[in-house]
PDB file of N, CA and C in Angstrom:
ATOM      1  N   MET A   1      -7.311  -0.316 -20.173  1.00  0.00           N
ATOM      2  CA  MET A   1      -6.480  -0.540 -18.927  1.00  0.00           C
ATOM      3  C   MET A   1      -7.484   0.103 -17.846  1.00  0.00           C
ATOM      4  N   ASP A   2      -8.078  -0.775 -17.107  1.00  0.00           N
ATOM      5  CA  ASP A   2      -9.004  -0.377 -16.058  1.00  0.00           C
ATOM      6  C   ASP A   2      -8.269  -0.209 -14.485  1.00  0.00           C
ATOM      7  N   THR A   3      -8.743   0.529 -13.792  1.00  0.00           N
ATOM      8  CA  THR A   3      -8.321   0.927 -12.369  1.00  0.00           C
ATOM      9  C   THR A   3      -9.160   0.078 -11.620  1.00  0.00           C
ATOM     10  N   CYS A   4      -8.510  -0.727 -10.647  1.00  0.00           N
ATOM     11  CA  CYS A   4      -9.290  -1.605  -9.764  1.00  0.00           C
ATOM     12  C   CYS A   4      -8.860  -1.376  -8.452  1.00  0.00           C
ATOM     13  N   ILE A   5      -9.642  -1.675  -7.344  1.00  0.00           N
ATOM     14  CA  ILE A   5      -9.244  -1.845  -6.010  1.00  0.00           C
ATOM     15  C   ILE A   5      -8.975  -3.228  -5.658  1.00  0.00           C
ATOM     16  N   ARG A   6      -7.907  -3.483  -5.167  1.00  0.00           N
ATOM     17  CA  ARG A   6      -7.534  -4.874  -4.893  1.00  0.00           C
ATOM     18  C   ARG A   6      -7.429  -4.819  -3.308  1.00  0.00           C
ATOM     19  N   HIS A   7      -7.958  -5.821  -2.583  1.00  0.00           N
ATOM     20  CA  HIS A   7      -7.985  -5.846  -1.216  1.00  0.00           C
ATOM     21  C   HIS A   7      -6.886  -7.097  -0.983  1.00  0.00           C
ATOM     22  N   LEU A   8      -5.698  -6.562  -0.517  1.00  0.00           N
ATOM     23  CA  LEU A   8      -4.596  -7.406  -0.481  1.00  0.00           C
ATOM     24  C   LEU A   8      -4.659  -8.334   0.808  1.00  0.00           C
ATOM     25  N   SER A   9      -5.090  -7.691   1.916  1.00  0.00           N
ATOM     26  CA  SER A   9      -5.410  -8.511   3.383  1.00  0.00           C
ATOM     27  C   SER A   9      -6.249  -7.570   4.104  1.00  0.00           C
ATOM     28  N   ASN A  10      -6.524  -8.056   5.359  1.00  0.00           N
ATOM     29  CA  ASN A  10      -7.481  -7.256   6.170  1.00  0.00           C
ATOM     30  C   ASN A  10      -6.916  -6.037   6.505  1.00  0.00           C
ATOM     31  N   GLY A  11      -7.800  -4.798   5.958  1.00  0.00           N
ATOM     32  CA  GLY A  11      -7.160  -3.527   6.154  1.00  0.00           C
ATOM     33  C   GLY A  11      -6.195  -3.019   5.326  1.00  0.00           C
ATOM     34  N   VAL A  12      -5.915  -3.797   4.226  1.00  0.00           N
ATOM     35  CA  VAL A  12      -4.960  -3.359   3.287  1.00  0.00           C
ATOM     36  C   VAL A  12      -5.437  -3.353   1.709  1.00  0.00           C
ATOM     37  N   SER A  13      -5.497  -2.364   1.218  1.00  0.00           N
ATOM     38  CA  SER A  13      -5.970  -2.244  -0.255  1.00  0.00           C
ATOM     39  C   SER A  13      -4.961  -1.497  -1.159  1.00  0.00           C
ATOM     40  N   LEU A  14      -5.126  -1.788  -2.566  1.00  0.00           N
ATOM     41  CA  LEU A  14      -4.325  -1.187  -3.323  1.00  0.00           C
ATOM     42  C   LEU A  14      -5.310  -0.655  -4.625  1.00  0.00           C
ATOM     43  N   ILE A  15      -5.212   0.499  -4.906  1.00  0.00           N
ATOM     44  CA  ILE A  15      -5.917   1.121  -6.063  1.00  0.00           C
ATOM     45  C   ILE A  15      -4.749   1.236  -7.144  1.00  0.00           C
ATOM     46  N   ALA A  16      -4.995   0.475  -8.222  1.00  0.00           N
ATOM     47  CA  ALA A  16      -4.083   0.579  -9.310  1.00  0.00           C
ATOM     48  C   ALA A  16      -4.570  -0.473 -10.541  1.00  0.00           C
ATOM     49  N   SER A  17      -4.170  -0.347 -11.743  1.00  0.00           N
ATOM     50  CA  SER A  17      -4.578  -1.188 -12.736  1.00  0.00           C
ATOM     51  C   SER A  17      -3.730  -2.216 -12.633  1.00  0.00           C
ATOM     52  N   ASP A  18      -4.271  -3.461 -13.449  1.00  0.00           N
ATOM     53  CA  ASP A  18      -3.554  -4.751 -13.262  1.00  0.00           C
ATOM     54  C   ASP A  18      -2.340  -4.780 -14.078  1.00  0.00           C
ATOM     55  N   THR A  19      -2.026  -3.574 -14.831  1.00  0.00           N
ATOM     56  CA  THR A  19      -0.617  -3.579 -15.565  1.00  0.00           C
ATOM     57  C   THR A  19       0.274  -2.565 -14.801  1.00  0.00           C
ATOM     58  N   THR A  20      -0.163  -1.973 -13.710  1.00  0.00           N
ATOM     59  CA  THR A  20       0.690  -1.073 -13.102  1.00  0.00           C
ATOM     60  C   THR A  20       1.563  -1.935 -12.225  1.00  0.00           C
ATOM     61  N   TRP A  21       3.015  -1.521 -12.490  1.00  0.00           N
ATOM     62  CA  TRP A  21       4.255  -2.070 -11.746  1.00  0.00           C
ATOM     63  C   TRP A  21       4.549  -1.532 -10.408  1.00  0.00           C
ATOM     64  N   ILE A  22       4.295  -2.387  -9.513  1.00  0.00           N
ATOM     65  CA  ILE A  22       4.650  -1.763  -7.981  1.00  0.00           C
ATOM     66  C   ILE A  22       5.631  -2.639  -7.414  1.00  0.00           C
ATOM     67  N   GLU A  23       6.718  -1.988  -7.059  1.00  0.00           N
ATOM     68  CA  GLU A  23       7.833  -2.955  -6.365  1.00  0.00           C
ATOM     69  C   GLU A  23       7.277  -3.697  -5.146  1.00  0.00           C
ATOM     70  N   ASP A  24       7.927  -5.061  -4.950  1.00  0.00           N
ATOM     71  CA  ASP A  24       7.473  -5.865  -3.811  1.00  0.00           C
ATOM     72  C   ASP A  24       7.755  -5.231  -2.428  1.00  0.00           C
ATOM     73  N   LYS A  25       8.871  -4.489  -2.401  1.00  0.00           N
ATOM     74  CA  LYS A  25       9.263  -3.715  -1.087  1.00  0.00           C
ATOM     75  C   LYS A  25       8.279  -2.783  -0.779  1.00  0.00           C
ATOM     76  N   ALA A  26       7.634  -2.147  -1.629  1.00  0.00           N
ATOM     77  CA  ALA A  26       6.553  -1.115  -1.399  1.00  0.00           C
ATOM     78  C   ALA A  26       5.173  -1.598  -0.863  1.00  0.00           C
ATOM     79  N   LEU A  27       4.980  -2.956  -1.441  1.00  0.00           N
ATOM     80  CA  LEU A  27       3.912  -3.622  -0.931  1.00  0.00           C
ATOM     81  C   LEU A  27       4.265  -4.393   0.553  1.00  0.00           C
ATOM     82  N   GLN A  28       5.353  -4.697   0.785  1.00  0.00           N
ATOM     83  CA  GLN A  28       5.777  -5.270   2.253  1.00  0.00           C
ATOM     84  C   GLN A  28       5.631  -4.008   3.250  1.00  0.00           C
ATOM     85  N   GLN A  29       6.070  -2.838   2.637  1.00  0.00           N
ATOM     86  CA  GLN A  29       5.942  -1.575   3.509  1.00  0.00           C
ATOM     87  C   GLN A  29       4.584  -1.283   4.081  1.00  0.00           C
ATOM     88  N   LEU A  30       3.584  -1.550   2.839  1.00  0.00           N
ATOM     89  CA  LEU A  30       2.279  -1.150   2.961  1.00  0.00           C
ATOM     90  C   LEU A  30       1.659  -2.154   3.954  1.00  0.00           C
ATOM     91  N   GLN A  31       1.893  -3.421   3.769  1.00  0.00           N
ATOM     92  CA  GLN A  31       1.490  -4.320   4.887  1.00  0.00           C
ATOM     93  C   GLN A  31       2.177  -4.159   6.336  1.00  0.00           C
ATOM     94  N   THR A  32       3.303  -3.599   6.394  1.00  0.00           N
ATOM     95  CA  THR A  32       3.952  -3.389   7.774  1.00  0.00           C
ATOM     96  C   THR A  32       3.032  -2.016   8.202  1.00  0.00           C
ATOM     97  N   THR A  33       2.998  -1.040   7.521  1.00  0.00           N
ATOM     98  CA  THR A  33       2.070   0.082   8.026  1.00  0.00           C
ATOM     99  C   THR A  33       0.981  -0.307   8.631  1.00  0.00           C
ATOM    100  N   ALA A  34       0.063  -1.220   7.901  1.00  0.00           N
ATOM    101  CA  ALA A  34      -1.088  -1.538   8.554  1.00  0.00           C
ATOM    102  C   ALA A  34      -0.947  -2.172   9.835  1.00  0.00           C
ATOM    103  N   GLN A  35       0.103  -2.556  10.250  1.00  0.00           N
ATOM    104  CA  GLN A  35       0.242  -3.310  11.579  1.00  0.00           C
ATOM    105  C   GLN A  35       0.611  -2.259  12.733  1.00  0.00           C
ATOM    106  N   LEU A  36       0.864  -1.064  12.155  1.00  0.00           N
ATOM    107  CA  LEU A  36       1.134   0.090  13.186  1.00  0.00           C
ATOM    108  C   LEU A  36      -0.058   0.406  14.171  1.00  0.00           C
ATOM    109  N   PRO A  37       0.114   0.729  15.372  1.00  0.00           N
ATOM    110  CA  PRO A  37      -1.045   0.811  16.475  1.00  0.00           C
ATOM    111  C   PRO A  37      -1.977   2.095  15.902  1.00  0.00           C
ATOM    112  N   GLY A  38      -3.144   1.770  15.910  1.00  0.00           N
ATOM    113  CA  GLY A  38      -4.243   2.804  15.697  1.00  0.00           C
ATOM    114  C   GLY A  38      -4.757   2.713  13.984  1.00  0.00           C
ATOM    115  N   MET A  39      -3.921   1.971  13.267  1.00  0.00           N
ATOM    116  CA  MET A  39      -4.208   1.948  11.920  1.00  0.00           C
ATOM    117  C   MET A  39      -5.441   1.158  11.627  1.00  0.00           C
ATOM    118  N   ARG A  40      -6.430   1.462  10.887  1.00  0.00           N
ATOM    119  CA  ARG A  40      -7.608   0.721  10.570  1.00  0.00           C
ATOM    120  C   ARG A  40      -7.762   0.456   9.108  1.00  0.00           C
ATOM    121  N   GLN A  41      -7.093   1.250   8.314  1.00  0.00           N
ATOM    122  CA  GLN A  41      -7.207   0.999   6.906  1.00  0.00           C
ATOM    123  C   GLN A  41      -6.036   1.508   6.154  1.00  0.00           C
ATOM    124  N   VAL A  42      -5.303   0.830   5.385  1.00  0.00           N
ATOM    125  CA  VAL A  42      -4.259   1.561   4.484  1.00  0.00           C
ATOM    126  C   VAL A  42      -4.484   1.366   3.035  1.00  0.00           C
ATOM    127  N   VAL A  43      -4.199   2.211   2.242  1.00  0.00           N
ATOM    128  CA  VAL A  43      -4.674   2.009   0.987  1.00  0.00           C
ATOM    129  C   VAL A  43      -3.171   2.539  -0.054  1.00  0.00           C
ATOM    130  N   GLY A  44      -2.670   1.903  -0.848  1.00  0.00           N
ATOM    131  CA  GLY A  44      -1.603   2.153  -1.784  1.00  0.00           C
ATOM    132  C   GLY A  44      -2.295   2.644  -3.018  1.00  0.00           C
ATOM    133  N   MET A  45      -1.681   3.686  -3.519  1.00  0.00           N
ATOM    134  CA  MET A  45      -2.091   4.195  -4.874  1.00  0.00           C
ATOM    135  C   MET A  45      -1.201   3.897  -5.975  1.00  0.00           C
ATOM    136  N   PRO A  46      -1.718   4.177  -7.254  1.00  0.00           N
ATOM    137  CA  PRO A  46      -0.642   3.592  -8.357  1.00  0.00           C
ATOM    138  C   PRO A  46       0.612   4.174  -8.335  1.00  0.00           C
ATOM    139  N   ASP A  47       1.211   5.099  -7.600  1.00  0.00           N
ATOM    140  CA  ASP A  47       2.486   5.623  -7.567  1.00  0.00           C
ATOM    141  C   ASP A  47       3.124   5.130  -6.397  1.00  0.00           C
ATOM    142  N   LEU A  48       2.717   4.007  -5.644  1.00  0.00           N
ATOM    143  CA  LEU A  48       3.283   3.522  -4.368  1.00  0.00           C
ATOM    144  C   LEU A  48       4.751   3.243  -4.752  1.00  0.00           C
ATOM    145  N   HIS A  49       5.645   3.492  -4.000  1.00  0.00           N
ATOM    146  CA  HIS A  49       7.143   3.345  -4.038  1.00  0.00           C
ATOM    147  C   HIS A  49       7.671   2.947  -2.627  1.00  0.00           C
ATOM    148  N   PRO A  50       8.752   2.215  -2.432  1.00  0.00           N
ATOM    149  CA  PRO A  50       9.221   2.062  -1.246  1.00  0.00           C
ATOM    150  C   PRO A  50       9.949   3.269  -0.646  1.00  0.00           C
ATOM    151  N   GLY A  51      10.159   3.597   0.557  1.00  0.00           N
ATOM    152  CA  GLY A  51      10.822   4.622   1.210  1.00  0.00           C
ATOM    153  C   GLY A  51      11.604   4.132   2.379  1.00  0.00           C
ATOM    154  N   ARG A  52      12.100   5.251   3.205  1.00  0.00           N
ATOM    155  CA  ARG A  52      12.883   4.998   4.253  1.00  0.00           C
ATOM    156  C   ARG A  52      12.129   4.826   5.539  1.00  0.00           C
ATOM    157  N   GLY A  53      10.823   5.326   5.662  1.00  0.00           N
ATOM    158  CA  GLY A  53      10.076   5.198   6.788  1.00  0.00           C
ATOM    159  C   GLY A  53       8.742   5.655   6.581  1.00  0.00           C
ATOM    160  N   TYR A  54       7.937   5.782   7.444  1.00  0.00           N
ATOM    161  CA  TYR A  54       6.510   6.065   7.503  1.00  0.00           C
ATOM    162  C   TYR A  54       6.374   7.710   7.301  1.00  0.00           C
ATOM    163  N   CYS A  55       5.603   8.125   6.389  1.00  0.00           N
ATOM    164  CA  CYS A  55       5.246   9.324   6.322  1.00  0.00           C
ATOM    165  C   CYS A  55       4.321   9.839   7.582  1.00  0.00           C
ATOM    166  N   GLY A  56       5.046  11.249   8.087  1.00  0.00           N
ATOM    167  CA  GLY A  56       4.196  11.789   9.103  1.00  0.00           C
ATOM    168  C   GLY A  56       4.763  11.261  10.577  1.00  0.00           C
ATOM    169  N   PHE A  57       5.636  10.168  10.658  1.00  0.00           N
ATOM    170  CA  PHE A  57       6.300   9.663  11.723  1.00  0.00           C
ATOM    171  C   PHE A  57       7.633  10.127  11.826  1.00  0.00           C
ATOM    172  N   ARG A  58       8.042  10.602  13.048  1.00  0.00           N
ATOM    173  CA  ARG A  58       9.496  11.020  13.226  1.00  0.00           C
ATOM    174  C   ARG A  58      10.128  10.374  14.285  1.00  0.00           C
TER     175      ARG A  58
END
């Protein structure tokens, strides 16, 4: 089980093994986060999960 970096789209990457289960909603939120003003690169880690909003934003 190797860990790899997958480039999902421009400025969006995911670090996880091919067998890591990540919810589709979490990947959608990662893509949405990449569209926020000032974002240059977003990276999801193996424990990526969907949430109510963006960390650090109020």
